[in-house]
């Protein structure tokens, strides 16, 4: 796995093509990793948002994940954020599904998220 990173205006883009993938990764029951799969993360700096797009080995869109996060933090040329567990999954047919709701509720119950984050 090799990460390419580049910036276009207010968007930082990270790209990974899986050479091999020892672990299966899924989102909402959809496999998003495998040999030859492409993963692209967009750090939308002006919007304080993180979006990921997933493609299979034949360059077909598998889906898009929109993260619910705290505002982005900048450290020189890199960015980070605190993921609030919740997210949206958008299928290639543009169906939008709320994901990780039970994990979010568990994080709130266990105190892993502060009152301002939940």
N, C-alpha and C. Protein backbone atom coordinates (compact mmCIF):
# COMPACT_ATOMS: atom_id res chain seq x y z
N UNK A 1 0.85 -1.17 0.00
CA UNK A 1 0.00 0.00 0.00
C UNK A 1 0.89 1.23 0.00
N UNK A 2 0.66 2.13 -0.94
CA UNK A 2 1.41 3.37 -1.00
C UNK A 2 0.44 4.53 -1.05
N UNK A 3 0.66 5.51 -0.19
CA UNK A 3 -0.22 6.67 -0.13
C UNK A 3 0.38 7.81 -0.94
N UNK A 4 -0.40 8.34 -1.86
CA UNK A 4 -0.03 9.55 -2.59
C UNK A 4 -0.84 10.69 -1.97
N UNK A 5 -0.22 11.84 -1.86
CA UNK A 5 -0.90 12.97 -1.26
C UNK A 5 -0.63 14.21 -2.10
N UNK A 6 -1.66 14.98 -2.38
CA UNK A 6 -1.48 16.22 -3.11
C UNK A 6 -2.61 17.18 -2.72
N UNK A 7 -2.42 18.44 -3.06
CA UNK A 7 -3.37 19.47 -2.66
C UNK A 7 -3.84 20.26 -3.88
N UNK A 8 -5.15 20.51 -3.90
CA UNK A 8 -5.74 21.38 -4.92
C UNK A 8 -6.57 22.42 -4.18
N UNK A 9 -6.06 23.65 -4.13
CA UNK A 9 -6.78 24.71 -3.43
C UNK A 9 -7.04 24.35 -1.98
N UNK A 10 -8.31 24.36 -1.58
CA UNK A 10 -8.70 24.05 -0.21
C UNK A 10 -9.04 22.58 0.00
N UNK A 11 -8.47 21.72 -0.84
CA UNK A 11 -8.71 20.28 -0.70
C UNK A 11 -7.37 19.55 -0.66
N UNK A 12 -7.16 18.77 0.41
CA UNK A 12 -6.01 17.88 0.49
C UNK A 12 -6.52 16.50 0.09
N UNK A 13 -5.83 15.85 -0.84
CA UNK A 13 -6.29 14.56 -1.37
C UNK A 13 -5.25 13.50 -1.06
N UNK A 14 -5.70 12.39 -0.49
CA UNK A 14 -4.85 11.22 -0.25
C UNK A 14 -5.41 10.08 -1.09
N UNK A 15 -4.51 9.31 -1.68
CA UNK A 15 -4.94 8.21 -2.55
C UNK A 15 -4.12 6.97 -2.25
N UNK A 16 -4.81 5.84 -2.17
CA UNK A 16 -4.16 4.55 -1.93
C UNK A 16 -4.69 3.53 -2.92
N UNK A 17 -3.78 2.80 -3.56
CA UNK A 17 -4.16 1.63 -4.34
C UNK A 17 -3.59 0.43 -3.58
N UNK A 18 -4.46 -0.49 -3.21
CA UNK A 18 -4.04 -1.66 -2.44
C UNK A 18 -3.28 -2.63 -3.34
N UNK A 19 -1.99 -2.85 -3.06
CA UNK A 19 -1.21 -3.86 -3.77
C UNK A 19 -1.64 -5.25 -3.33
N UNK A 20 -1.80 -5.39 -2.05
CA UNK A 20 -2.35 -6.61 -1.47
C UNK A 20 -3.13 -6.18 -0.24
N UNK A 21 -4.06 -6.97 0.16
CA UNK A 21 -4.92 -6.57 1.27
C UNK A 21 -5.18 -7.77 2.16
N UNK A 22 -4.40 -7.91 3.25
CA UNK A 22 -4.54 -9.07 4.12
C UNK A 22 -5.83 -9.07 4.94
N UNK A 23 -6.43 -7.90 5.16
CA UNK A 23 -7.65 -7.80 5.97
C UNK A 23 -8.79 -7.27 5.11
N UNK A 24 -9.96 -7.82 5.30
CA UNK A 24 -11.15 -7.34 4.60
C UNK A 24 -11.74 -6.18 5.40
N UNK A 25 -11.96 -5.05 4.74
CA UNK A 25 -12.58 -3.89 5.36
C UNK A 25 -13.95 -3.72 4.73
N UNK A 26 -14.95 -3.44 5.57
CA UNK A 26 -16.31 -3.25 5.07
C UNK A 26 -16.91 -1.98 5.65
N UNK A 27 -17.84 -1.42 4.91
CA UNK A 27 -18.67 -0.31 5.38
C UNK A 27 -20.10 -0.68 5.02
N UNK A 28 -20.96 -0.72 6.03
CA UNK A 28 -22.37 -1.04 5.81
C UNK A 28 -22.55 -2.35 5.03
N UNK A 29 -21.68 -3.32 5.31
CA UNK A 29 -21.77 -4.62 4.65
C UNK A 29 -21.15 -4.69 3.27
N UNK A 30 -20.55 -3.59 2.81
CA UNK A 30 -19.92 -3.54 1.49
C UNK A 30 -18.41 -3.64 1.64
N UNK A 31 -17.79 -4.57 0.94
CA UNK A 31 -16.33 -4.72 0.97
C UNK A 31 -15.70 -3.53 0.26
N UNK A 32 -14.78 -2.83 0.96
CA UNK A 32 -14.16 -1.63 0.40
C UNK A 32 -12.66 -1.78 0.18
N UNK A 33 -12.13 -2.97 0.44
CA UNK A 33 -10.69 -3.17 0.24
C UNK A 33 -10.44 -4.51 -0.43
N UNK A 34 -9.38 -4.54 -1.20
CA UNK A 34 -8.97 -5.75 -1.88
C UNK A 34 -7.85 -5.39 -2.84
N UNK A 35 -7.15 -6.38 -3.33
CA UNK A 35 -6.05 -6.13 -4.24
C UNK A 35 -6.53 -5.33 -5.45
N UNK A 36 -5.86 -4.21 -5.71
CA UNK A 36 -6.22 -3.35 -6.83
C UNK A 36 -7.30 -2.34 -6.54
N UNK A 37 -7.89 -2.39 -5.35
CA UNK A 37 -8.93 -1.42 -4.98
C UNK A 37 -8.28 -0.05 -4.77
N UNK A 38 -9.05 1.01 -5.00
CA UNK A 38 -8.58 2.39 -4.84
C UNK A 38 -9.39 3.07 -3.75
N UNK A 39 -8.69 3.77 -2.89
CA UNK A 39 -9.31 4.54 -1.81
C UNK A 39 -8.81 5.97 -1.95
N UNK A 40 -9.74 6.94 -1.93
CA UNK A 40 -9.37 8.35 -2.03
C UNK A 40 -10.04 9.10 -0.89
N UNK A 41 -9.23 9.85 -0.12
CA UNK A 41 -9.76 10.67 0.98
C UNK A 41 -9.59 12.14 0.60
N UNK A 42 -10.67 12.89 0.78
CA UNK A 42 -10.67 14.32 0.52
C UNK A 42 -10.83 15.06 1.85
N UNK A 43 -9.83 15.86 2.20
CA UNK A 43 -9.91 16.74 3.36
C UNK A 43 -10.42 18.07 2.83
N UNK A 44 -11.70 18.37 3.04
CA UNK A 44 -12.32 19.59 2.53
C UNK A 44 -12.10 20.69 3.56
N UNK A 45 -10.98 21.37 3.42
CA UNK A 45 -10.47 22.29 4.43
C UNK A 45 -11.45 23.42 4.73
N UNK A 46 -11.99 24.04 3.71
CA UNK A 46 -12.91 25.16 3.92
C UNK A 46 -14.24 24.75 4.53
N UNK A 47 -14.56 23.46 4.47
CA UNK A 47 -15.84 22.97 4.98
C UNK A 47 -15.68 22.14 6.25
N UNK A 48 -14.44 21.98 6.73
CA UNK A 48 -14.18 21.13 7.91
C UNK A 48 -14.82 19.76 7.75
N UNK A 49 -14.58 19.12 6.61
CA UNK A 49 -15.20 17.83 6.34
C UNK A 49 -14.18 16.85 5.75
N UNK A 50 -14.45 15.56 5.98
CA UNK A 50 -13.64 14.48 5.42
C UNK A 50 -14.58 13.54 4.67
N UNK A 51 -14.23 13.27 3.41
CA UNK A 51 -15.03 12.40 2.56
C UNK A 51 -14.09 11.37 1.94
N UNK A 52 -14.53 10.11 1.90
CA UNK A 52 -13.75 9.06 1.25
C UNK A 52 -14.57 8.41 0.16
N UNK A 53 -13.90 8.11 -0.97
CA UNK A 53 -14.53 7.40 -2.08
C UNK A 53 -13.77 6.09 -2.28
N UNK A 54 -14.50 5.03 -2.55
CA UNK A 54 -13.92 3.70 -2.71
C UNK A 54 -14.25 3.15 -4.09
N UNK A 55 -13.24 2.56 -4.75
CA UNK A 55 -13.41 1.99 -6.08
C UNK A 55 -12.86 0.57 -6.08
N UNK A 56 -13.47 -0.32 -6.85
CA UNK A 56 -12.97 -1.69 -6.93
C UNK A 56 -11.81 -1.76 -7.93
N UNK A 57 -11.29 -2.95 -8.15
CA UNK A 57 -10.12 -3.13 -9.02
C UNK A 57 -10.41 -2.79 -10.48
N UNK A 58 -11.69 -2.71 -10.85
CA UNK A 58 -12.08 -2.33 -12.21
C UNK A 58 -12.49 -0.86 -12.29
N UNK A 59 -12.10 -0.08 -11.27
CA UNK A 59 -12.39 1.37 -11.19
C UNK A 59 -13.87 1.70 -11.10
N UNK A 60 -14.69 0.76 -10.65
CA UNK A 60 -16.11 1.04 -10.44
C UNK A 60 -16.30 1.59 -9.03
N UNK A 61 -17.11 2.62 -8.90
CA UNK A 61 -17.39 3.21 -7.59
C UNK A 61 -18.11 2.20 -6.71
N UNK A 62 -17.56 1.97 -5.52
CA UNK A 62 -18.19 1.09 -4.54
C UNK A 62 -19.11 1.91 -3.64
N UNK A 63 -18.65 3.09 -3.26
CA UNK A 63 -19.44 3.95 -2.39
C UNK A 63 -18.63 5.13 -1.89
N UNK A 64 -19.32 6.02 -1.20
CA UNK A 64 -18.72 7.23 -0.65
C UNK A 64 -19.07 7.31 0.83
N UNK A 65 -18.08 7.62 1.65
CA UNK A 65 -18.29 7.75 3.08
C UNK A 65 -18.04 9.20 3.48
N UNK A 66 -19.00 9.78 4.20
CA UNK A 66 -18.87 11.13 4.73
C UNK A 66 -18.78 11.01 6.25
N UNK A 67 -17.70 11.50 6.81
CA UNK A 67 -17.47 11.39 8.24
C UNK A 67 -18.09 12.57 8.98
N UNK A 68 -18.60 12.32 10.19
CA UNK A 68 -19.02 13.38 11.09
C UNK A 68 -17.85 13.58 12.05
N UNK A 69 -17.26 14.77 12.01
CA UNK A 69 -16.04 15.03 12.76
C UNK A 69 -16.09 16.38 13.46
N UNK A 70 -15.13 16.61 14.32
CA UNK A 70 -14.89 17.94 14.88
C UNK A 70 -14.18 18.75 13.79
N UNK A 71 -14.05 20.07 13.96
CA UNK A 71 -13.33 20.87 12.96
C UNK A 71 -11.92 20.32 12.71
N UNK A 72 -11.45 20.50 11.48
CA UNK A 72 -10.12 20.02 11.11
C UNK A 72 -9.04 20.82 11.82
N UNK A 73 -7.97 20.14 12.18
CA UNK A 73 -6.81 20.77 12.81
C UNK A 73 -5.65 20.72 11.83
N UNK A 74 -4.98 21.85 11.66
CA UNK A 74 -3.86 21.90 10.72
C UNK A 74 -2.55 21.95 11.49
N UNK A 75 -1.61 21.10 11.08
CA UNK A 75 -0.26 21.10 11.63
C UNK A 75 0.70 21.10 10.45
N UNK A 76 1.19 22.29 10.13
CA UNK A 76 2.04 22.52 8.94
C UNK A 76 1.27 22.12 7.69
N UNK A 77 1.72 21.08 6.98
CA UNK A 77 1.05 20.67 5.75
C UNK A 77 0.15 19.46 5.92
N UNK A 78 -0.13 19.07 7.17
CA UNK A 78 -1.00 17.93 7.37
C UNK A 78 -2.22 18.34 8.19
N UNK A 79 -3.25 17.52 8.12
CA UNK A 79 -4.49 17.80 8.81
C UNK A 79 -4.91 16.58 9.62
N UNK A 80 -5.66 16.83 10.68
CA UNK A 80 -6.23 15.76 11.48
C UNK A 80 -7.58 16.24 11.99
N UNK A 81 -8.33 15.32 12.54
CA UNK A 81 -9.62 15.67 13.13
C UNK A 81 -10.00 14.58 14.12
N UNK A 82 -10.97 14.87 14.94
CA UNK A 82 -11.50 13.89 15.89
C UNK A 82 -12.78 13.33 15.28
N UNK A 83 -12.75 12.06 14.93
CA UNK A 83 -13.89 11.37 14.32
C UNK A 83 -14.95 11.14 15.40
N UNK A 84 -16.18 11.54 15.13
CA UNK A 84 -17.26 11.38 16.09
C UNK A 84 -18.05 10.09 15.86
N UNK A 85 -17.47 9.15 15.18
CA UNK A 85 -17.97 7.79 14.97
C UNK A 85 -19.09 7.73 13.92
N UNK A 86 -20.04 8.62 13.96
CA UNK A 86 -21.14 8.61 13.00
C UNK A 86 -20.66 8.94 11.60
N UNK A 87 -21.40 8.49 10.63
CA UNK A 87 -21.07 8.82 9.26
C UNK A 87 -22.24 8.54 8.33
N UNK A 88 -22.05 8.94 7.10
CA UNK A 88 -23.03 8.65 6.05
C UNK A 88 -22.36 7.78 5.00
N UNK A 89 -23.09 6.80 4.49
CA UNK A 89 -22.61 5.97 3.39
C UNK A 89 -23.52 6.25 2.21
N UNK A 90 -22.93 6.62 1.09
CA UNK A 90 -23.69 6.91 -0.13
C UNK A 90 -23.34 5.83 -1.15
N UNK A 91 -24.34 5.09 -1.58
CA UNK A 91 -24.13 4.01 -2.54
C UNK A 91 -23.94 4.60 -3.94
N UNK A 92 -23.45 3.80 -4.89
CA UNK A 92 -23.33 4.30 -6.27
C UNK A 92 -24.68 4.75 -6.85
N UNK A 93 -25.78 4.21 -6.31
CA UNK A 93 -27.12 4.59 -6.77
C UNK A 93 -27.63 5.83 -6.03
N UNK A 94 -26.75 6.43 -5.20
CA UNK A 94 -27.02 7.66 -4.43
C UNK A 94 -27.99 7.45 -3.29
N UNK A 95 -28.08 6.24 -2.78
CA UNK A 95 -28.86 5.97 -1.56
C UNK A 95 -27.99 6.35 -0.38
N UNK A 96 -28.53 7.13 0.56
CA UNK A 96 -27.78 7.61 1.71
C UNK A 96 -28.22 6.84 2.95
N UNK A 97 -27.21 6.29 3.67
CA UNK A 97 -27.48 5.48 4.86
C UNK A 97 -26.65 6.02 6.02
N UNK A 98 -27.29 6.21 7.19
CA UNK A 98 -26.56 6.58 8.40
C UNK A 98 -25.82 5.34 8.89
N UNK A 99 -24.51 5.46 9.15
CA UNK A 99 -23.74 4.31 9.61
C UNK A 99 -23.11 4.59 10.97
N UNK A 100 -22.83 3.51 11.67
CA UNK A 100 -22.14 3.52 12.96
C UNK A 100 -22.95 4.15 14.08
N UNK A 101 -24.28 4.13 13.95
CA UNK A 101 -25.12 4.73 14.98
C UNK A 101 -24.98 4.01 16.32
N UNK A 102 -24.95 2.68 16.31
CA UNK A 102 -24.82 1.94 17.57
C UNK A 102 -23.45 2.17 18.21
N UNK A 103 -22.39 2.28 17.37
CA UNK A 103 -21.05 2.57 17.90
C UNK A 103 -21.01 3.97 18.50
N UNK A 104 -21.71 4.93 17.89
CA UNK A 104 -21.80 6.28 18.42
C UNK A 104 -22.49 6.28 19.78
N UNK A 105 -23.64 5.59 19.86
CA UNK A 105 -24.38 5.52 21.13
C UNK A 105 -23.54 4.86 22.22
N UNK A 106 -22.79 3.81 21.86
CA UNK A 106 -21.92 3.13 22.81
C UNK A 106 -20.81 4.07 23.28
N UNK A 107 -20.22 4.85 22.36
CA UNK A 107 -19.17 5.81 22.72
C UNK A 107 -19.69 6.87 23.67
N UNK A 108 -20.92 7.34 23.45
CA UNK A 108 -21.53 8.33 24.34
C UNK A 108 -21.76 7.70 25.71
N UNK A 109 -22.33 6.50 25.74
CA UNK A 109 -22.61 5.80 27.00
C UNK A 109 -21.34 5.53 27.80
N UNK A 110 -20.26 5.15 27.11
CA UNK A 110 -18.99 4.82 27.79
C UNK A 110 -18.19 6.08 28.14
N UNK A 111 -18.66 7.25 27.71
CA UNK A 111 -17.96 8.49 28.02
C UNK A 111 -16.79 8.79 27.10
N UNK A 112 -16.70 8.07 25.98
CA UNK A 112 -15.59 8.30 25.03
C UNK A 112 -15.76 9.60 24.26
N UNK A 113 -17.01 10.10 24.21
CA UNK A 113 -17.30 11.39 23.58
C UNK A 113 -17.80 12.35 24.65
N UNK A 114 -17.33 13.58 24.61
CA UNK A 114 -17.77 14.57 25.60
C UNK A 114 -19.16 15.07 25.24
N UNK A 115 -19.77 15.83 26.15
CA UNK A 115 -21.11 16.37 25.93
C UNK A 115 -21.14 17.21 24.65
N UNK A 116 -20.12 18.03 24.40
CA UNK A 116 -20.07 18.86 23.22
C UNK A 116 -19.91 18.07 21.93
N UNK A 117 -19.39 16.86 22.04
CA UNK A 117 -19.19 16.01 20.86
C UNK A 117 -20.40 15.16 20.55
N UNK A 118 -21.26 14.93 21.53
CA UNK A 118 -22.43 14.09 21.33
C UNK A 118 -23.65 14.92 21.27
